[in-house]
Amino acid sequence: MTKRQHNCRKLLLTGVLLVAAAVLSGGCPLVGLLGTPTRREEKIPAQFDLAQHKENTLLVLVDQPAWLNARANLRYYLANYVGEQLVDKLDFPPDKLISYDRLSEFRSTRGDFLSLSPPAIGQALGADVVLFVAIESYELSSRDVANYHKGAMTAQCSLWQVSSAGKLWPQPEESRRVDVGFEVGPAGGAAAVERLTRAMAYCITRYFYDCPEDQFRISDDRTQTEWVNWK
């Protein structure tokens, strides 16, 4: 055995003896450290556990007002990205999500569509639950000649039970406001719209499952909420 190997073995043995002594004395800081949950292990409790309703058919209904200055079809992007998040984060069955195409077809054939409530639309499409997302504001502007963008979006969200036309979430508030945005986004308007709608979809669906604490807030989240008090 070389001198270097001998010294390494001696240091290792010393470390083992020190840890053993600390454990026997009840004061090992290492044990306490290893037993402390990380931010990834800590969870922000779901405000409404939507994963318990996987047997229900769900409609994601996005309202994009006609006066809203948005050339992009925000309804399409947002509805699909929310659906992706529900499948990915909650393991929601894809066949339980009513497709955007079905909703779009229904919208085009009903002259009274704008007067229908979210539960009424859900009932017509065979849904049990409706996640209603009402876009309140949307801004997207080019920052410079490189076609980078600044963007922001605000929406009010609520979850409805079709059979009773009653609101499941949030309680007692009428709806949950979600804000997303960025000062400098990707080049190209399509990429900027995708970033905004993906961020909005994430910030909506995080309320429906026990989200790891270190993943709850994302960089584009502008929502003002006392989420730390939910624990």
C-alpha atoms as a PDB file:
ATOM      1  CA  MET A   1       0.000   0.000   0.000  1.00  0.00           C
ATOM      2  CA  THR A   2       1.375   3.408  -0.968  1.00  0.00           C
ATOM      3  CA  LYS A   3       1.662   6.308   1.477  1.00  0.00           C
ATOM      4  CA  ARG A   4      -1.115   8.183  -0.379  1.00  0.00           C
ATOM      5  CA  GLN A   5      -3.473   5.214  -0.181  1.00  0.00           C
ATOM      6  CA  HIS A   6      -2.672   4.810   3.507  1.00  0.00           C
ATOM      7  CA  ASN A   7      -3.517   8.484   4.213  1.00  0.00           C
ATOM      8  CA  CYS A   8      -6.803   8.293   2.283  1.00  0.00           C
ATOM      9  CA  ARG A   9      -7.806   5.166   4.181  1.00  0.00           C
ATOM     10  CA  LYS A  10      -6.943   6.838   7.472  1.00  0.00           C
ATOM     11  CA  LEU A  11      -9.036   9.939   6.642  1.00  0.00           C
ATOM     12  CA  LEU A  12     -12.008   7.789   5.599  1.00  0.00           C
ATOM     13  CA  LEU A  13     -11.850   5.756   8.803  1.00  0.00           C
ATOM     14  CA  THR A  14     -11.652   8.932  10.881  1.00  0.00           C
ATOM     15  CA  GLY A  15     -14.739  10.335   9.129  1.00  0.00           C
ATOM     16  CA  VAL A  16     -16.723   7.159   9.730  1.00  0.00           C
ATOM     17  CA  LEU A  17     -15.815   7.159  13.410  1.00  0.00           C
ATOM     18  CA  LEU A  18     -16.823  10.830  13.821  1.00  0.00           C
ATOM     19  CA  VAL A  19     -20.232  10.276  12.178  1.00  0.00           C
ATOM     20  CA  ALA A  20     -20.839   7.165  14.280  1.00  0.00           C
ATOM     21  CA  ALA A  21     -19.988   9.035  17.446  1.00  0.00           C
ATOM     22  CA  ALA A  22     -22.297  11.900  16.526  1.00  0.00           C
ATOM     23  CA  VAL A  23     -25.194   9.543  15.812  1.00  0.00           C
ATOM     24  CA  LEU A  24     -24.742   7.751  19.136  1.00  0.00           C
ATOM     25  CA  SER A  25     -24.709  11.068  20.950  1.00  0.00           C
ATOM     26  CA  GLY A  26     -27.898  12.165  19.195  1.00  0.00           C
ATOM     27  CA  GLY A  27     -26.356  15.273  17.703  1.00  0.00           C
ATOM     28  CA  CYS A  28     -25.416  14.419  14.131  1.00  0.00           C
ATOM     29  CA  PRO A  29     -26.112  17.417  11.903  1.00  0.00           C
ATOM     30  CA  LEU A  30     -25.683  15.263   8.809  1.00  0.00           C
ATOM     31  CA  VAL A  31     -28.616  13.063   9.751  1.00  0.00           C
ATOM     32  CA  GLY A  32     -30.822  16.113  10.236  1.00  0.00           C
ATOM     33  CA  LEU A  33     -29.687  17.541   6.932  1.00  0.00           C
ATOM     34  CA  LEU A  34     -30.451  14.340   5.051  1.00  0.00           C
ATOM     35  CA  GLY A  35     -33.883  14.223   6.663  1.00  0.00           C
ATOM     36  CA  THR A  36     -34.825  17.780   5.623  1.00  0.00           C
ATOM     37  CA  PRO A  37     -37.155  17.896   2.591  1.00  0.00           C
ATOM     38  CA  THR A  38     -35.853  19.828  -0.412  1.00  0.00           C
ATOM     39  CA  ARG A  39     -37.911  22.411  -2.302  1.00  0.00           C
ATOM     40  CA  ARG A  40     -38.485  19.764  -4.962  1.00  0.00           C
ATOM     41  CA  GLU A  41     -39.902  17.411  -2.327  1.00  0.00           C
ATOM     42  CA  GLU A  42     -42.063  20.120  -0.712  1.00  0.00           C
ATOM     43  CA  LYS A  43     -45.458  20.507  -2.405  1.00  0.00           C
ATOM     44  CA  ILE A  44     -47.812  23.438  -2.860  1.00  0.00           C
ATOM     45  CA  PRO A  45     -51.202  21.768  -2.188  1.00  0.00           C
ATOM     46  CA  ALA A  46     -53.737  21.756  -5.005  1.00  0.00           C
ATOM     47  CA  GLN A  47     -56.511  24.304  -4.614  1.00  0.00           C
ATOM     48  CA  PHE A  48     -58.770  21.795  -6.354  1.00  0.00           C
ATOM     49  CA  ASP A  49     -57.600  18.221  -6.901  1.00  0.00           C
ATOM     50  CA  LEU A  50     -58.693  17.738 -10.498  1.00  0.00           C
ATOM     51  CA  ALA A  51     -56.815  14.446 -10.686  1.00  0.00           C
ATOM     52  CA  GLN A  52     -59.629  12.933  -8.597  1.00  0.00           C
ATOM     53  CA  HIS A  53     -62.037  13.606 -11.476  1.00  0.00           C
ATOM     54  CA  LYS A  54     -60.306  11.724 -14.279  1.00  0.00           C
ATOM     55  CA  GLU A  55     -63.449   9.733 -14.995  1.00  0.00           C
ATOM     56  CA  ASN A  56     -65.221  12.982 -15.931  1.00  0.00           C
ATOM     57  CA  THR A  57     -65.233  14.499 -19.403  1.00  0.00           C
ATOM     58  CA  LEU A  58     -63.653  17.945 -19.356  1.00  0.00           C
ATOM     59  CA  LEU A  59     -64.024  20.928 -21.660  1.00  0.00           C
ATOM     60  CA  VAL A  60     -61.426  23.701 -21.770  1.00  0.00           C
ATOM     61  CA  LEU A  61     -63.417  26.765 -22.807  1.00  0.00           C
ATOM     62  CA  VAL A  62     -61.411  29.889 -23.666  1.00  0.00           C
ATOM     63  CA  ASP A  63     -63.181  33.191 -24.229  1.00  0.00           C
ATOM     64  CA  GLN A  64     -61.355  35.651 -26.483  1.00  0.00           C
ATOM     65  CA  PRO A  65     -63.423  38.851 -26.721  1.00  0.00           C
ATOM     66  CA  ALA A  66     -63.971  40.285 -30.200  1.00  0.00           C
ATOM     67  CA  TRP A  67     -62.579  43.661 -29.101  1.00  0.00           C
ATOM     68  CA  LEU A  68     -59.309  42.113 -27.985  1.00  0.00           C
ATOM     69  CA  ASN A  69     -56.421  43.271 -30.160  1.00  0.00           C
ATOM     70  CA  ALA A  70     -55.028  39.848 -31.004  1.00  0.00           C
ATOM     71  CA  ARG A  71     -54.389  38.602 -34.505  1.00  0.00           C
ATOM     72  CA  ALA A  72     -53.437  35.176 -33.189  1.00  0.00           C
ATOM     73  CA  ASN A  73     -56.109  32.628 -32.330  1.00  0.00           C
ATOM     74  CA  LEU A  74     -55.385  32.629 -28.605  1.00  0.00           C
ATOM     75  CA  ARG A  75     -58.371  30.359 -27.988  1.00  0.00           C
ATOM     76  CA  TYR A  76     -56.788  27.591 -30.038  1.00  0.00           C
ATOM     77  CA  TYR A  77     -53.308  27.793 -28.529  1.00  0.00           C
ATOM     78  CA  LEU A  78     -54.413  28.225 -24.939  1.00  0.00           C
ATOM     79  CA  ALA A  79     -57.033  25.441 -25.015  1.00  0.00           C
ATOM     80  CA  ASN A  80     -54.564  22.968 -26.496  1.00  0.00           C
ATOM     81  CA  TYR A  81     -51.704  23.865 -24.157  1.00  0.00           C
ATOM     82  CA  VAL A  82     -53.963  23.582 -21.098  1.00  0.00           C
ATOM     83  CA  GLY A  83     -54.972  20.153 -22.346  1.00  0.00           C
ATOM     84  CA  GLU A  84     -51.316  19.181 -22.726  1.00  0.00           C
ATOM     85  CA  GLN A  85     -50.600  20.277 -19.155  1.00  0.00           C
ATOM     86  CA  LEU A  86     -53.552  18.305 -17.783  1.00  0.00           C
ATOM     87  CA  VAL A  87     -52.319  15.157 -19.506  1.00  0.00           C
ATOM     88  CA  ASP A  88     -48.683  15.732 -18.526  1.00  0.00           C
ATOM     89  CA  LYS A  89     -49.026  16.928 -14.928  1.00  0.00           C
ATOM     90  CA  LEU A  90     -52.251  15.223 -13.818  1.00  0.00           C
ATOM     91  CA  ASP A  91     -52.125  12.170 -16.074  1.00  0.00           C
ATOM     92  CA  PHE A  92     -55.591  13.178 -17.290  1.00  0.00           C
ATOM     93  CA  PRO A  93     -56.867  10.750 -19.953  1.00  0.00           C
ATOM     94  CA  PRO A  94     -56.680  12.448 -23.391  1.00  0.00           C
ATOM     95  CA  ASP A  95     -59.955  10.815 -24.440  1.00  0.00           C
ATOM     96  CA  LYS A  96     -61.683  12.629 -21.571  1.00  0.00           C
ATOM     97  CA  LEU A  97     -60.784  16.029 -23.003  1.00  0.00           C
ATOM     98  CA  ILE A  98     -63.214  17.500 -25.532  1.00  0.00           C
ATOM     99  CA  SER A  99     -61.245  18.573 -28.596  1.00  0.00           C
ATOM    100  CA  TYR A 100     -60.938  22.170 -29.697  1.00  0.00           C
ATOM    101  CA  ASP A 101     -62.274  21.180 -33.131  1.00  0.00           C
ATOM    102  CA  ARG A 102     -65.562  19.976 -31.609  1.00  0.00           C
ATOM    103  CA  LEU A 103     -65.896  23.196 -29.648  1.00  0.00           C
ATOM    104  CA  SER A 104     -65.052  25.303 -32.703  1.00  0.00           C
ATOM    105  CA  GLU A 105     -67.662  23.509 -34.805  1.00  0.00           C
ATOM    106  CA  PHE A 106     -70.286  24.019 -32.112  1.00  0.00           C
ATOM    107  CA  ARG A 107     -69.385  27.707 -31.859  1.00  0.00           C
ATOM    108  CA  SER A 108     -69.782  28.214 -35.599  1.00  0.00           C
ATOM    109  CA  THR A 109     -73.252  26.610 -35.727  1.00  0.00           C
ATOM    110  CA  ARG A 110     -74.788  28.380 -32.736  1.00  0.00           C
ATOM    111  CA  GLY A 111     -75.850  31.944 -33.303  1.00  0.00           C
ATOM    112  CA  ASP A 112     -76.570  32.260 -29.585  1.00  0.00           C
ATOM    113  CA  PHE A 113     -73.145  30.970 -28.513  1.00  0.00           C
ATOM    114  CA  LEU A 114     -72.096  34.210 -26.796  1.00  0.00           C
ATOM    115  CA  SER A 115     -75.209  34.146 -24.597  1.00  0.00           C
ATOM    116  CA  LEU A 116     -74.580  30.601 -23.326  1.00  0.00           C
ATOM    117  CA  SER A 117     -73.015  30.011 -19.917  1.00  0.00           C
ATOM    118  CA  PRO A 118     -69.938  27.762 -19.543  1.00  0.00           C
ATOM    119  CA  PRO A 119     -72.040  24.925 -18.003  1.00  0.00           C
ATOM    120  CA  ALA A 120     -74.589  25.223 -20.835  1.00  0.00           C
ATOM    121  CA  ILE A 121     -71.848  24.925 -23.461  1.00  0.00           C
ATOM    122  CA  GLY A 122     -70.361  22.006 -21.575  1.00  0.00           C
ATOM    123  CA  GLN A 123     -73.721  20.251 -21.413  1.00  0.00           C
ATOM    124  CA  ALA A 124     -74.247  20.649 -25.154  1.00  0.00           C
ATOM    125  CA  LEU A 125     -70.875  19.010 -25.804  1.00  0.00           C
ATOM    126  CA  GLY A 126     -71.297  16.214 -23.268  1.00  0.00           C
ATOM    127  CA  ALA A 127     -68.840  17.529 -20.686  1.00  0.00           C
ATOM    128  CA  ASP A 128     -69.062  16.903 -16.943  1.00  0.00           C
ATOM    129  CA  VAL A 129     -66.672  19.699 -15.986  1.00  0.00           C
ATOM    130  CA  VAL A 130     -65.767  22.975 -17.717  1.00  0.00           C
ATOM    131  CA  LEU A 131     -62.535  24.882 -17.169  1.00  0.00           C
ATOM    132  CA  PHE A 132     -63.441  28.417 -18.222  1.00  0.00           C
ATOM    133  CA  VAL A 133     -60.632  30.817 -19.143  1.00  0.00           C
ATOM    134  CA  ALA A 134     -61.662  34.391 -19.944  1.00  0.00           C
ATOM    135  CA  ILE A 135     -58.852  36.401 -21.530  1.00  0.00           C
ATOM    136  CA  GLU A 136     -58.977  39.952 -20.205  1.00  0.00           C
ATOM    137  CA  SER A 137     -55.972  41.531 -21.848  1.00  0.00           C
ATOM    138  CA  TYR A 138     -53.270  40.698 -24.342  1.00  0.00           C
ATOM    139  CA  GLU A 139     -50.311  42.729 -25.575  1.00  0.00           C
ATOM    140  CA  LEU A 140     -47.533  41.816 -27.957  1.00  0.00           C
ATOM    141  CA  SER A 141     -45.114  44.355 -29.406  1.00  0.00           C
ATOM    142  CA  SER A 142     -41.865  44.187 -31.333  1.00  0.00           C
ATOM    143  CA  ARG A 143     -38.842  45.405 -29.381  1.00  0.00           C
ATOM    144  CA  ASP A 144     -36.310  46.101 -32.132  1.00  0.00           C
ATOM    145  CA  VAL A 145     -35.226  45.323 -35.680  1.00  0.00           C
ATOM    146  CA  ALA A 146     -34.251  41.797 -34.614  1.00  0.00           C
ATOM    147  CA  ASN A 147     -37.989  41.149 -34.157  1.00  0.00           C
ATOM    148  CA  TYR A 148     -37.751  40.324 -30.468  1.00  0.00           C
ATOM    149  CA  HIS A 149     -40.968  40.864 -28.542  1.00  0.00           C
ATOM    150  CA  LYS A 150     -42.454  42.108 -25.302  1.00  0.00           C
ATOM    151  CA  GLY A 151     -45.645  40.359 -24.254  1.00  0.00           C
ATOM    152  CA  ALA A 152     -48.284  40.161 -21.533  1.00  0.00           C
ATOM    153  CA  MET A 153     -51.574  38.378 -20.956  1.00  0.00           C
ATOM    154  CA  THR A 154     -54.187  38.355 -18.194  1.00  0.00           C
ATOM    155  CA  ALA A 155     -57.014  35.864 -17.745  1.00  0.00           C
ATOM    156  CA  GLN A 156     -59.729  35.038 -15.223  1.00  0.00           C
ATOM    157  CA  CYS A 157     -60.206  31.304 -14.616  1.00  0.00           C
ATOM    158  CA  SER A 158     -62.878  29.167 -12.998  1.00  0.00           C
ATOM    159  CA  LEU A 159     -63.944  25.511 -12.904  1.00  0.00           C
ATOM    160  CA  TRP A 160     -67.607  24.544 -13.273  1.00  0.00           C
ATOM    161  CA  GLN A 161     -69.674  21.416 -12.692  1.00  0.00           C
ATOM    162  CA  VAL A 162     -72.092  20.947 -15.567  1.00  0.00           C
ATOM    163  CA  SER A 163     -74.818  18.939 -13.810  1.00  0.00           C
ATOM    164  CA  SER A 164     -75.437  21.560 -11.122  1.00  0.00           C
ATOM    165  CA  ALA A 165     -74.134  24.608 -13.015  1.00  0.00           C
ATOM    166  CA  GLY A 166     -72.174  25.265  -9.837  1.00  0.00           C
ATOM    167  CA  LYS A 167     -68.645  26.613  -9.505  1.00  0.00           C
ATOM    168  CA  LEU A 168     -66.090  24.139  -8.153  1.00  0.00           C
ATOM    169  CA  TRP A 169     -63.091  26.481  -8.054  1.00  0.00           C
ATOM    170  CA  PRO A 170     -62.012  28.937  -6.815  1.00  0.00           C
ATOM    171  CA  GLN A 171     -63.788  29.391  -3.513  1.00  0.00           C
ATOM    172  CA  PRO A 172     -64.950  31.825  -2.287  1.00  0.00           C
ATOM    173  CA  GLU A 173     -63.621  34.081  -5.071  1.00  0.00           C
ATOM    174  CA  GLU A 174     -65.567  34.455  -8.279  1.00  0.00           C
ATOM    175  CA  SER A 175     -62.512  33.553 -10.378  1.00  0.00           C
ATOM    176  CA  ARG A 176     -58.736  33.246 -10.198  1.00  0.00           C
ATOM    177  CA  ARG A 177     -56.724  35.935 -11.981  1.00  0.00           C
ATOM    178  CA  VAL A 178     -53.549  34.800 -13.725  1.00  0.00           C
ATOM    179  CA  ASP A 179     -50.956  37.169 -15.225  1.00  0.00           C
ATOM    180  CA  VAL A 180     -48.014  36.217 -17.423  1.00  0.00           C
ATOM    181  CA  GLY A 181     -45.535  38.262 -19.423  1.00  0.00           C
ATOM    182  CA  PHE A 182     -41.971  38.927 -20.470  1.00  0.00           C
ATOM    183  CA  GLU A 183     -39.890  41.988 -21.299  1.00  0.00           C
ATOM    184  CA  VAL A 184     -37.785  40.374 -24.011  1.00  0.00           C
ATOM    185  CA  GLY A 185     -39.162  37.321 -25.747  1.00  0.00           C
ATOM    186  CA  PRO A 186     -38.157  35.173 -28.696  1.00  0.00           C
ATOM    187  CA  ALA A 187     -37.794  36.493 -32.218  1.00  0.00           C
ATOM    188  CA  GLY A 188     -40.911  36.131 -34.313  1.00  0.00           C
ATOM    189  CA  GLY A 189     -44.524  36.778 -33.396  1.00  0.00           C
ATOM    190  CA  ALA A 190     -45.548  33.109 -33.541  1.00  0.00           C
ATOM    191  CA  ALA A 191     -42.835  32.104 -31.066  1.00  0.00           C
ATOM    192  CA  ALA A 192     -43.822  34.937 -28.728  1.00  0.00           C
ATOM    193  CA  VAL A 193     -47.504  33.907 -28.809  1.00  0.00           C
ATOM    194  CA  GLU A 194     -46.504  30.319 -28.077  1.00  0.00           C
ATOM    195  CA  ARG A 195     -44.403  31.422 -25.096  1.00  0.00           C
ATOM    196  CA  LEU A 196     -47.243  33.509 -23.658  1.00  0.00           C
ATOM    197  CA  THR A 197     -49.939  30.869 -24.069  1.00  0.00           C
ATOM    198  CA  ARG A 198     -47.734  28.057 -22.758  1.00  0.00           C
ATOM    199  CA  ALA A 199     -46.905  30.143 -19.681  1.00  0.00           C
ATOM    200  CA  MET A 200     -50.594  30.914 -19.137  1.00  0.00           C
ATOM    201  CA  ALA A 201     -51.541  27.232 -19.490  1.00  0.00           C
ATOM    202  CA  TYR A 202     -48.905  26.222 -16.942  1.00  0.00           C
ATOM    203  CA  CYS A 203     -49.915  28.908 -14.439  1.00  0.00           C
ATOM    204  CA  ILE A 204     -53.571  27.839 -14.659  1.00  0.00           C
ATOM    205  CA  THR A 205     -53.116  24.090 -14.320  1.00  0.00           C
ATOM    206  CA  ARG A 206     -50.633  24.326 -11.405  1.00  0.00           C
ATOM    207  CA  TYR A 207     -53.627  24.972  -9.117  1.00  0.00           C
ATOM    208  CA  PHE A 208     -55.054  21.500  -9.818  1.00  0.00           C
ATOM    209  CA  TYR A 209     -52.273  19.239  -8.489  1.00  0.00           C
ATOM    210  CA  ASP A 210     -49.734  19.182  -5.677  1.00  0.00           C
ATOM    211  CA  CYS A 211     -47.030  21.162  -7.436  1.00  0.00           C
ATOM    212  CA  PRO A 212     -43.372  20.934  -6.314  1.00  0.00           C
ATOM    213  CA  GLU A 213     -42.497  24.175  -4.568  1.00  0.00           C
ATOM    214  CA  ASP A 214     -39.506  24.871  -6.788  1.00  0.00           C
ATOM    215  CA  GLN A 215     -41.654  24.514  -9.922  1.00  0.00           C
ATOM    216  CA  PHE A 216     -44.692  26.539  -8.880  1.00  0.00           C
ATOM    217  CA  ARG A 217     -43.394  29.915 -10.023  1.00  0.00           C
ATOM    218  CA  ILE A 218     -41.959  30.166 -13.536  1.00  0.00           C
ATOM    219  CA  SER A 219     -39.993  33.030 -15.045  1.00  0.00           C
ATOM    220  CA  ASP A 220     -42.962  34.457 -16.986  1.00  0.00           C
ATOM    221  CA  ASP A 221     -45.361  34.338 -14.022  1.00  0.00           C
ATOM    222  CA  ARG A 222     -46.633  37.783 -13.012  1.00  0.00           C
ATOM    223  CA  THR A 223     -49.505  36.585 -10.823  1.00  0.00           C
ATOM    224  CA  GLN A 224     -49.861  38.295  -7.457  1.00  0.00           C
ATOM    225  CA  THR A 225     -50.926  35.553  -5.064  1.00  0.00           C
ATOM    226  CA  GLU A 226     -50.111  34.504  -1.518  1.00  0.00           C
ATOM    227  CA  TRP A 227     -49.441  30.920  -2.543  1.00  0.00           C
ATOM    228  CA  VAL A 228     -47.067  30.306   0.373  1.00  0.00           C
ATOM    229  CA  ASN A 229     -50.051  30.445   2.730  1.00  0.00           C
ATOM    230  CA  TRP A 230     -51.640  27.364   1.193  1.00  0.00           C
ATOM    231  CA  LYS A 231     -49.231  24.979   2.943  1.00  0.00           C
END
